[in-house]
């Protein structure tokens, strides 16, 4: 199994090509990357990681970010002006993101992970995405999360977890 990275998505599958410069990648879970757009504990830490590493995440991440920002706007934590600005930044940043597609490799791995113990489905997809990329690239990458349950699950799967809090 090999990985193909090109701007916008990282494919994990059986095509020839390889992962190229995967040494500089860090995997950003949604709970971590949303701190790029909303000032909260861990925001400065995430921004530092983003300056030093290429962004890697699951193809579901943009949808999760928009959902998280929308919830904050709905609750009044985020003004309309700040919501609009955050959405624009997400769109701009996304042009530099590598997103792992939800193919059979990732989904099968997520199923295996869930069978090992109770876990939220999207957490399993993020963990499976990071593991699939690591396997294809042949090297470990940092896994950033700000979610306690996901941190525990990722640690159980032997990921190199970086707590963002």
N, C-alpha and C. Protein backbone atom coordinates (compact mmCIF):
# COMPACT_ATOMS: atom_id res chain seq x y z
N UNK A 1 0.85 -1.18 0.00
CA UNK A 1 0.00 0.00 0.00
C UNK A 1 0.89 1.23 0.00
N UNK A 2 0.59 2.18 -0.84
CA UNK A 2 1.36 3.41 -0.91
C UNK A 2 0.43 4.60 -0.77
N UNK A 3 1.03 5.76 -0.50
CA UNK A 3 0.27 6.99 -0.35
C UNK A 3 0.65 7.96 -1.44
N UNK A 4 -0.31 8.65 -1.94
CA UNK A 4 -0.06 9.69 -2.93
C UNK A 4 -0.57 10.98 -2.36
N UNK A 5 0.30 11.95 -2.29
CA UNK A 5 -0.10 13.25 -1.78
C UNK A 5 -0.05 14.26 -2.90
N UNK A 6 -1.05 15.03 -2.96
CA UNK A 6 -1.05 16.21 -3.81
C UNK A 6 -1.95 17.20 -3.13
N UNK A 7 -1.76 18.46 -3.41
CA UNK A 7 -2.52 19.49 -2.71
C UNK A 7 -4.00 19.19 -2.79
N UNK A 8 -4.63 19.20 -1.63
CA UNK A 8 -6.06 18.99 -1.55
C UNK A 8 -6.45 17.63 -1.03
N UNK A 9 -5.65 16.61 -1.31
CA UNK A 9 -6.00 15.30 -0.77
C UNK A 9 -4.79 14.39 -0.78
N UNK A 10 -4.75 13.50 0.16
CA UNK A 10 -3.73 12.47 0.21
C UNK A 10 -4.45 11.15 0.03
N UNK A 11 -4.08 10.45 -1.00
CA UNK A 11 -4.75 9.19 -1.29
C UNK A 11 -4.02 8.05 -0.62
N UNK A 12 -4.75 7.18 0.02
CA UNK A 12 -4.15 5.99 0.59
C UNK A 12 -4.74 4.83 -0.20
N UNK A 13 -3.91 4.18 -0.98
CA UNK A 13 -4.42 3.10 -1.83
C UNK A 13 -3.29 2.30 -2.43
N UNK A 14 -3.52 1.77 -3.61
CA UNK A 14 -2.55 0.86 -4.22
C UNK A 14 -1.87 1.44 -5.45
N UNK A 15 -2.01 2.71 -5.74
CA UNK A 15 -1.36 3.29 -6.90
C UNK A 15 0.11 3.54 -6.61
N UNK A 16 0.96 3.51 -7.64
CA UNK A 16 2.37 3.81 -7.43
C UNK A 16 2.60 5.28 -7.14
N UNK A 17 3.67 5.61 -6.43
CA UNK A 17 3.98 7.02 -6.24
C UNK A 17 4.68 7.33 -4.94
N UNK A 18 4.16 6.96 -3.81
CA UNK A 18 4.83 7.22 -2.54
C UNK A 18 4.41 8.52 -1.91
N UNK A 19 4.83 8.73 -0.68
CA UNK A 19 4.38 9.86 0.13
C UNK A 19 5.27 11.07 0.03
N UNK A 20 6.40 10.99 -0.62
CA UNK A 20 7.22 12.18 -0.79
C UNK A 20 7.70 12.74 0.52
N UNK A 21 7.35 13.99 0.81
CA UNK A 21 7.87 14.70 1.97
C UNK A 21 7.08 14.53 3.23
N UNK A 22 6.64 13.33 3.53
CA UNK A 22 5.78 13.10 4.68
C UNK A 22 6.46 13.39 6.02
N UNK A 23 7.78 13.56 6.05
CA UNK A 23 8.46 13.83 7.32
C UNK A 23 7.96 15.10 7.98
N UNK A 24 7.49 16.07 7.21
CA UNK A 24 7.06 17.34 7.79
C UNK A 24 5.57 17.35 8.13
N UNK A 25 4.86 16.26 7.88
CA UNK A 25 3.43 16.22 8.16
C UNK A 25 3.15 16.07 9.65
N UNK A 26 2.04 16.66 10.07
CA UNK A 26 1.43 16.38 11.37
C UNK A 26 -0.05 16.19 11.10
N UNK A 27 -0.66 15.23 11.78
CA UNK A 27 -2.08 14.96 11.61
C UNK A 27 -2.85 15.82 12.60
N UNK A 28 -3.78 16.63 12.09
CA UNK A 28 -4.58 17.53 12.91
C UNK A 28 -6.01 17.01 12.97
N UNK A 29 -6.42 16.58 14.16
CA UNK A 29 -7.83 16.26 14.38
C UNK A 29 -8.62 17.57 14.40
N UNK A 30 -9.90 17.48 14.12
CA UNK A 30 -10.75 18.67 14.08
C UNK A 30 -10.71 19.44 15.39
N UNK A 31 -10.70 18.74 16.51
CA UNK A 31 -10.69 19.42 17.81
C UNK A 31 -9.45 20.28 17.99
N UNK A 32 -8.37 19.92 17.32
CA UNK A 32 -7.14 20.73 17.37
C UNK A 32 -7.20 21.87 16.36
N UNK A 33 -7.52 21.56 15.13
CA UNK A 33 -7.42 22.59 14.08
C UNK A 33 -8.46 23.69 14.24
N UNK A 34 -9.60 23.40 14.86
CA UNK A 34 -10.60 24.45 15.04
C UNK A 34 -10.04 25.58 15.90
N UNK A 35 -9.04 25.27 16.72
CA UNK A 35 -8.40 26.29 17.56
C UNK A 35 -7.62 27.30 16.72
N UNK A 36 -7.38 27.00 15.48
CA UNK A 36 -6.77 27.95 14.54
C UNK A 36 -7.74 29.09 14.24
N UNK A 37 -9.02 28.80 14.30
CA UNK A 37 -10.05 29.75 13.88
C UNK A 37 -10.81 30.39 15.03
N UNK A 38 -10.73 29.82 16.22
CA UNK A 38 -11.41 30.32 17.40
C UNK A 38 -10.38 30.41 18.52
N UNK A 39 -10.27 31.58 19.14
CA UNK A 39 -9.29 31.76 20.21
C UNK A 39 -9.78 31.04 21.47
N UNK A 40 -9.03 30.03 21.88
CA UNK A 40 -9.34 29.25 23.07
C UNK A 40 -8.05 28.57 23.52
N UNK A 41 -8.05 27.94 24.70
CA UNK A 41 -6.83 27.28 25.15
C UNK A 41 -6.29 26.33 24.07
N UNK A 42 -5.02 26.47 23.77
CA UNK A 42 -4.38 25.64 22.76
C UNK A 42 -4.23 26.31 21.41
N UNK A 43 -4.86 27.48 21.21
CA UNK A 43 -4.79 28.15 19.91
C UNK A 43 -3.37 28.49 19.50
N UNK A 44 -2.58 29.03 20.42
CA UNK A 44 -1.20 29.39 20.08
C UNK A 44 -0.37 28.15 19.78
N UNK A 45 -0.62 27.09 20.52
CA UNK A 45 0.09 25.83 20.30
C UNK A 45 -0.20 25.29 18.89
N UNK A 46 -1.47 25.30 18.49
CA UNK A 46 -1.85 24.83 17.15
C UNK A 46 -1.19 25.69 16.08
N UNK A 47 -1.21 26.99 16.26
CA UNK A 47 -0.61 27.88 15.25
C UNK A 47 0.89 27.60 15.10
N UNK A 48 1.56 27.30 16.20
CA UNK A 48 2.97 26.93 16.13
C UNK A 48 3.18 25.64 15.34
N UNK A 49 2.36 24.65 15.59
CA UNK A 49 2.46 23.39 14.84
C UNK A 49 2.18 23.62 13.36
N UNK A 50 1.21 24.47 13.06
CA UNK A 50 0.88 24.74 11.66
C UNK A 50 2.02 25.46 10.94
N UNK A 51 2.77 26.27 11.65
CA UNK A 51 3.92 26.96 11.04
C UNK A 51 5.06 25.97 10.73
N UNK A 52 5.18 24.93 11.54
CA UNK A 52 6.32 24.02 11.41
C UNK A 52 6.02 22.72 10.66
N UNK A 53 4.76 22.43 10.40
CA UNK A 53 4.39 21.15 9.79
C UNK A 53 3.35 21.34 8.69
N UNK A 54 3.37 20.43 7.75
CA UNK A 54 2.32 20.39 6.74
C UNK A 54 1.07 19.78 7.36
N UNK A 55 -0.07 20.31 6.98
CA UNK A 55 -1.36 19.90 7.53
C UNK A 55 -1.84 18.63 6.85
N UNK A 56 -2.15 17.63 7.66
CA UNK A 56 -2.71 16.37 7.19
C UNK A 56 -3.91 16.05 8.06
N UNK A 57 -5.01 15.65 7.42
CA UNK A 57 -6.19 15.26 8.17
C UNK A 57 -7.09 14.43 7.28
N UNK A 58 -8.23 14.05 7.82
CA UNK A 58 -9.22 13.28 7.07
C UNK A 58 -10.05 14.19 6.18
N UNK A 59 -10.59 13.62 5.13
CA UNK A 59 -11.48 14.36 4.23
C UNK A 59 -12.73 14.85 4.95
N UNK A 60 -13.05 14.30 6.11
CA UNK A 60 -14.23 14.75 6.86
C UNK A 60 -13.96 16.04 7.64
N UNK A 61 -12.70 16.42 7.79
CA UNK A 61 -12.34 17.55 8.65
C UNK A 61 -12.97 18.87 8.23
N UNK A 62 -12.96 19.25 6.96
CA UNK A 62 -13.60 20.53 6.61
C UNK A 62 -15.07 20.60 7.03
N UNK A 63 -15.79 19.50 6.86
CA UNK A 63 -17.20 19.47 7.27
C UNK A 63 -17.32 19.62 8.78
N UNK A 64 -16.46 18.94 9.52
CA UNK A 64 -16.48 19.04 10.97
C UNK A 64 -16.14 20.45 11.44
N UNK A 65 -15.18 21.10 10.79
CA UNK A 65 -14.81 22.47 11.16
C UNK A 65 -15.99 23.40 10.95
N UNK A 66 -16.63 23.31 9.79
CA UNK A 66 -17.78 24.18 9.51
C UNK A 66 -18.89 23.94 10.53
N UNK A 67 -19.10 22.70 10.91
CA UNK A 67 -20.11 22.38 11.92
C UNK A 67 -19.75 23.00 13.26
N UNK A 68 -18.49 22.87 13.67
CA UNK A 68 -18.04 23.43 14.95
C UNK A 68 -18.18 24.95 14.97
N UNK A 69 -17.80 25.59 13.88
CA UNK A 69 -17.93 27.05 13.80
C UNK A 69 -19.39 27.47 13.82
N UNK A 70 -20.23 26.73 13.10
CA UNK A 70 -21.66 27.02 13.09
C UNK A 70 -22.29 26.89 14.46
N UNK A 71 -21.89 25.88 15.22
CA UNK A 71 -22.40 25.70 16.58
C UNK A 71 -22.00 26.88 17.47
N UNK A 72 -20.77 27.34 17.30
CA UNK A 72 -20.30 28.48 18.11
C UNK A 72 -21.06 29.75 17.74
N UNK A 73 -21.34 29.92 16.47
CA UNK A 73 -22.13 31.08 16.05
C UNK A 73 -23.54 30.99 16.63
N UNK A 74 -24.15 29.82 16.52
CA UNK A 74 -25.51 29.61 17.02
C UNK A 74 -25.61 29.88 18.52
N UNK A 75 -24.58 29.49 19.27
CA UNK A 75 -24.60 29.66 20.72
C UNK A 75 -24.24 31.08 21.16
N UNK A 76 -23.77 31.89 20.22
CA UNK A 76 -23.37 33.26 20.55
C UNK A 76 -21.90 33.40 20.90
N UNK A 77 -21.15 32.29 20.91
CA UNK A 77 -19.71 32.35 21.20
C UNK A 77 -18.94 33.03 20.08
N UNK A 78 -19.50 33.04 18.88
CA UNK A 78 -18.85 33.59 17.70
C UNK A 78 -19.82 34.55 17.02
N UNK A 79 -19.39 35.78 16.84
CA UNK A 79 -20.24 36.77 16.16
C UNK A 79 -20.36 36.43 14.68
N UNK A 80 -21.35 37.00 14.03
CA UNK A 80 -21.52 36.80 12.58
C UNK A 80 -20.27 37.23 11.83
N UNK A 81 -19.71 38.37 12.24
CA UNK A 81 -18.50 38.89 11.58
C UNK A 81 -17.33 37.91 11.74
N UNK A 82 -17.11 37.42 12.96
CA UNK A 82 -16.02 36.49 13.21
C UNK A 82 -16.27 35.13 12.55
N UNK A 83 -17.53 34.72 12.49
CA UNK A 83 -17.88 33.47 11.81
C UNK A 83 -17.53 33.57 10.33
N UNK A 84 -17.93 34.66 9.70
CA UNK A 84 -17.65 34.87 8.27
C UNK A 84 -16.15 34.91 8.02
N UNK A 85 -15.42 35.60 8.88
CA UNK A 85 -13.95 35.68 8.73
C UNK A 85 -13.32 34.29 8.89
N UNK A 86 -13.80 33.51 9.85
CA UNK A 86 -13.26 32.17 10.07
C UNK A 86 -13.53 31.27 8.86
N UNK A 87 -14.72 31.37 8.31
CA UNK A 87 -15.07 30.57 7.13
C UNK A 87 -14.15 30.93 5.96
N UNK A 88 -13.87 32.22 5.79
CA UNK A 88 -12.94 32.64 4.73
C UNK A 88 -11.55 32.08 4.96
N UNK A 89 -11.08 32.11 6.21
CA UNK A 89 -9.75 31.57 6.52
C UNK A 89 -9.69 30.06 6.26
N UNK A 90 -10.75 29.36 6.60
CA UNK A 90 -10.80 27.92 6.33
C UNK A 90 -10.65 27.68 4.83
N UNK A 91 -11.39 28.44 4.03
CA UNK A 91 -11.32 28.29 2.57
C UNK A 91 -9.93 28.56 2.04
N UNK A 92 -9.29 29.59 2.56
CA UNK A 92 -7.93 29.93 2.13
C UNK A 92 -6.93 28.87 2.58
N UNK A 93 -7.01 28.46 3.84
CA UNK A 93 -6.09 27.47 4.37
C UNK A 93 -6.23 26.13 3.66
N UNK A 94 -7.44 25.79 3.30
CA UNK A 94 -7.73 24.47 2.73
C UNK A 94 -6.94 24.20 1.45
N UNK A 95 -6.54 25.24 0.75
CA UNK A 95 -5.76 25.05 -0.48
C UNK A 95 -4.40 24.42 -0.20
N UNK A 96 -3.97 24.47 1.06
CA UNK A 96 -2.66 23.91 1.44
C UNK A 96 -2.79 22.61 2.24
N UNK A 97 -3.97 22.14 2.45
CA UNK A 97 -4.19 20.94 3.25
C UNK A 97 -4.04 19.67 2.42
N UNK A 98 -3.54 18.64 3.06
CA UNK A 98 -3.55 17.29 2.50
C UNK A 98 -4.63 16.53 3.25
N UNK A 99 -5.64 16.06 2.52
CA UNK A 99 -6.76 15.37 3.14
C UNK A 99 -6.78 13.91 2.69
N UNK A 100 -6.92 13.03 3.65
CA UNK A 100 -6.94 11.59 3.38
C UNK A 100 -8.36 11.18 3.05
N UNK A 101 -8.53 10.62 1.87
CA UNK A 101 -9.85 10.21 1.42
C UNK A 101 -10.39 9.04 2.24
N UNK A 102 -11.70 8.96 2.30
CA UNK A 102 -12.36 7.88 3.04
C UNK A 102 -12.56 6.67 2.14
N UNK A 103 -11.49 6.03 1.79
CA UNK A 103 -11.55 4.84 0.96
C UNK A 103 -11.65 3.59 1.81
N UNK A 104 -11.59 2.45 1.13
CA UNK A 104 -11.73 1.16 1.80
C UNK A 104 -10.67 0.93 2.87
N UNK A 105 -9.43 1.36 2.61
CA UNK A 105 -8.35 1.15 3.58
C UNK A 105 -8.69 1.83 4.90
N UNK A 106 -9.10 3.09 4.84
CA UNK A 106 -9.40 3.85 6.05
C UNK A 106 -10.66 3.31 6.73
N UNK A 107 -11.70 3.07 5.97
CA UNK A 107 -12.95 2.60 6.57
C UNK A 107 -12.80 1.21 7.19
N UNK A 108 -12.08 0.32 6.53
CA UNK A 108 -11.84 -1.01 7.12
C UNK A 108 -11.04 -0.90 8.41
N UNK A 109 -10.04 -0.03 8.41
CA UNK A 109 -9.23 0.17 9.62
C UNK A 109 -10.09 0.76 10.74
N UNK A 110 -10.98 1.70 10.42
CA UNK A 110 -11.87 2.29 11.42
C UNK A 110 -12.77 1.22 12.04
N UNK A 111 -13.26 0.31 11.22
CA UNK A 111 -14.09 -0.78 11.75
C UNK A 111 -13.29 -1.65 12.72
N UNK A 112 -12.06 -1.96 12.35
CA UNK A 112 -11.20 -2.77 13.23
C UNK A 112 -10.96 -2.06 14.56
N UNK A 113 -10.74 -0.76 14.50
CA UNK A 113 -10.47 0.03 15.71
C UNK A 113 -11.68 0.01 16.63
N UNK A 114 -12.86 0.21 16.07
CA UNK A 114 -14.09 0.25 16.87
C UNK A 114 -14.35 -1.10 17.54
N UNK A 115 -13.98 -2.18 16.88
CA UNK A 115 -14.19 -3.51 17.46
C UNK A 115 -13.28 -3.77 18.66
N UNK A 116 -12.26 -2.95 18.83
CA UNK A 116 -11.34 -3.13 19.96
C UNK A 116 -11.85 -2.46 21.23
N UNK A 117 -12.89 -1.68 21.13
CA UNK A 117 -13.45 -1.02 22.30
C UNK A 117 -14.34 0.13 21.88
N UNK A 118 -15.22 0.57 22.77
CA UNK A 118 -16.15 1.63 22.41
C UNK A 118 -15.42 2.91 22.00
N UNK A 119 -15.91 3.50 20.93
CA UNK A 119 -15.29 4.71 20.41
C UNK A 119 -16.29 5.39 19.48
N UNK A 120 -16.24 6.70 19.44
CA UNK A 120 -17.08 7.45 18.51
C UNK A 120 -16.60 7.19 17.08
N UNK A 121 -17.55 7.12 16.17
CA UNK A 121 -17.24 6.77 14.77
C UNK A 121 -16.24 7.74 14.14
N UNK A 122 -16.44 9.04 14.32
CA UNK A 122 -15.54 10.00 13.68
C UNK A 122 -14.14 9.95 14.30
N UNK A 123 -14.05 9.65 15.59
CA UNK A 123 -12.73 9.47 16.21
C UNK A 123 -12.02 8.29 15.55
N UNK A 124 -12.75 7.20 15.34
CA UNK A 124 -12.16 6.02 14.70
C UNK A 124 -11.70 6.35 13.29
N UNK A 125 -12.46 7.16 12.56
CA UNK A 125 -12.06 7.54 11.20
C UNK A 125 -10.78 8.37 11.24
N UNK A 126 -10.68 9.33 12.15
CA UNK A 126 -9.45 10.13 12.26
C UNK A 126 -8.25 9.25 12.61
N UNK A 127 -8.42 8.39 13.59
CA UNK A 127 -7.31 7.52 14.00
C UNK A 127 -6.92 6.59 12.86
N UNK A 128 -7.92 6.01 12.19
CA UNK A 128 -7.64 5.12 11.05
C UNK A 128 -6.94 5.87 9.92
N UNK A 129 -7.34 7.11 9.68
CA UNK A 129 -6.70 7.91 8.64
C UNK A 129 -5.23 8.13 8.95
N UNK A 130 -4.94 8.50 10.18
CA UNK A 130 -3.54 8.73 10.58
C UNK A 130 -2.73 7.44 10.50
N UNK A 131 -3.30 6.34 10.96
CA UNK A 131 -2.59 5.06 10.91
C UNK A 131 -2.35 4.61 9.47
N UNK A 132 -3.35 4.79 8.61
CA UNK A 132 -3.19 4.40 7.21
C UNK A 132 -2.09 5.22 6.54
N UNK A 133 -2.06 6.51 6.84
CA UNK A 133 -1.01 7.35 6.25
C UNK A 133 0.36 6.93 6.76
N UNK A 134 0.46 6.70 8.06
CA UNK A 134 1.75 6.26 8.64
C UNK A 134 2.23 4.97 8.00
N UNK A 135 1.32 4.02 7.84
CA UNK A 135 1.68 2.74 7.23
C UNK A 135 2.17 2.94 5.81
N UNK A 136 1.45 3.74 5.04
CA UNK A 136 1.82 3.98 3.65
C UNK A 136 3.13 4.76 3.53
N UNK A 137 3.34 5.71 4.44
CA UNK A 137 4.54 6.56 4.39
C UNK A 137 5.75 5.86 5.01
N UNK A 138 5.49 4.86 5.84
CA UNK A 138 6.59 4.15 6.49
C UNK A 138 7.26 4.93 7.61
N UNK A 139 6.52 5.87 8.21
CA UNK A 139 7.08 6.65 9.32
C UNK A 139 5.95 7.17 10.20
N UNK A 140 6.30 7.43 11.46
CA UNK A 140 5.32 7.99 12.41
C UNK A 140 5.18 9.48 12.19
N UNK A 141 3.98 9.97 12.45
CA UNK A 141 3.73 11.41 12.39
C UNK A 141 2.99 11.80 13.67
N UNK A 142 3.16 13.04 14.13
CA UNK A 142 2.42 13.50 15.31
C UNK A 142 0.92 13.54 15.02
N UNK A 143 0.13 13.19 16.03
CA UNK A 143 -1.33 13.22 15.95
C UNK A 143 -1.82 14.23 16.97
N UNK A 144 -2.30 15.38 16.51
CA UNK A 144 -2.72 16.46 17.41
C UNK A 144 -4.21 16.38 17.66
N UNK A 145 -4.59 16.43 18.94
CA UNK A 145 -5.99 16.42 19.31
C UNK A 145 -6.21 17.25 20.56
N UNK A 146 -7.39 17.83 20.67
CA UNK A 146 -7.80 18.56 21.86
C UNK A 146 -8.98 17.87 22.53
N UNK A 147 -9.24 16.63 22.17
CA UNK A 147 -10.37 15.87 22.67
C UNK A 147 -9.83 14.73 23.55
N UNK A 148 -10.24 14.74 24.82
CA UNK A 148 -9.70 13.76 25.79
C UNK A 148 -10.00 12.31 25.39
N UNK A 149 -11.26 12.05 25.00
CA UNK A 149 -11.60 10.66 24.64
C UNK A 149 -10.81 10.20 23.42
N UNK A 150 -10.65 11.10 22.45
CA UNK A 150 -9.89 10.72 21.27
C UNK A 150 -8.41 10.54 21.62
N UNK A 151 -7.90 11.39 22.49
CA UNK A 151 -6.50 11.24 22.91
C UNK A 151 -6.27 9.85 23.49
N UNK A 152 -7.15 9.43 24.39
CA UNK A 152 -7.02 8.11 25.00
C UNK A 152 -7.08 7.00 23.96
N UNK A 153 -8.01 7.12 23.02
CA UNK A 153 -8.15 6.10 21.97
C UNK A 153 -6.92 6.08 21.07
N UNK A 154 -6.41 7.25 20.71
CA UNK A 154 -5.23 7.33 19.85
C UNK A 154 -4.00 6.76 20.56
N UNK A 155 -3.90 7.01 21.85
CA UNK A 155 -2.78 6.44 22.62
C UNK A 155 -2.87 4.92 22.66
N UNK A 156 -4.09 4.39 22.80
CA UNK A 156 -4.27 2.93 22.78
C UNK A 156 -3.82 2.33 21.45
N UNK A 157 -3.93 3.11 20.38
CA UNK A 157 -3.53 2.64 19.05
C UNK A 157 -2.06 2.97 18.75
N UNK A 158 -1.34 3.42 19.78
CA UNK A 158 0.11 3.71 19.69
C UNK A 158 0.46 4.86 18.76
N UNK A 159 -0.45 5.81 18.60
CA UNK A 159 -0.11 7.02 17.85
C UNK A 159 0.74 7.93 18.72
N UNK A 160 1.53 8.76 18.09
CA UNK A 160 2.35 9.77 18.79
C UNK A 160 1.46 10.98 19.05
N UNK A 161 0.73 10.95 20.16
CA UNK A 161 -0.30 11.95 20.45
C UNK A 161 0.32 13.22 21.03
N UNK A 162 -0.09 14.33 20.48
CA UNK A 162 0.26 15.65 21.00
C UNK A 162 -1.03 16.26 21.53
N UNK A 163 -1.08 16.48 22.84
CA UNK A 163 -2.27 17.05 23.47
C UNK A 163 -2.29 18.55 23.26
N UNK A 164 -3.40 19.03 22.71
CA UNK A 164 -3.60 20.46 22.50
C UNK A 164 -4.68 20.91 23.47
N UNK A 165 -4.30 21.63 24.49
CA UNK A 165 -5.30 22.03 25.47
C UNK A 165 -4.95 23.27 26.09
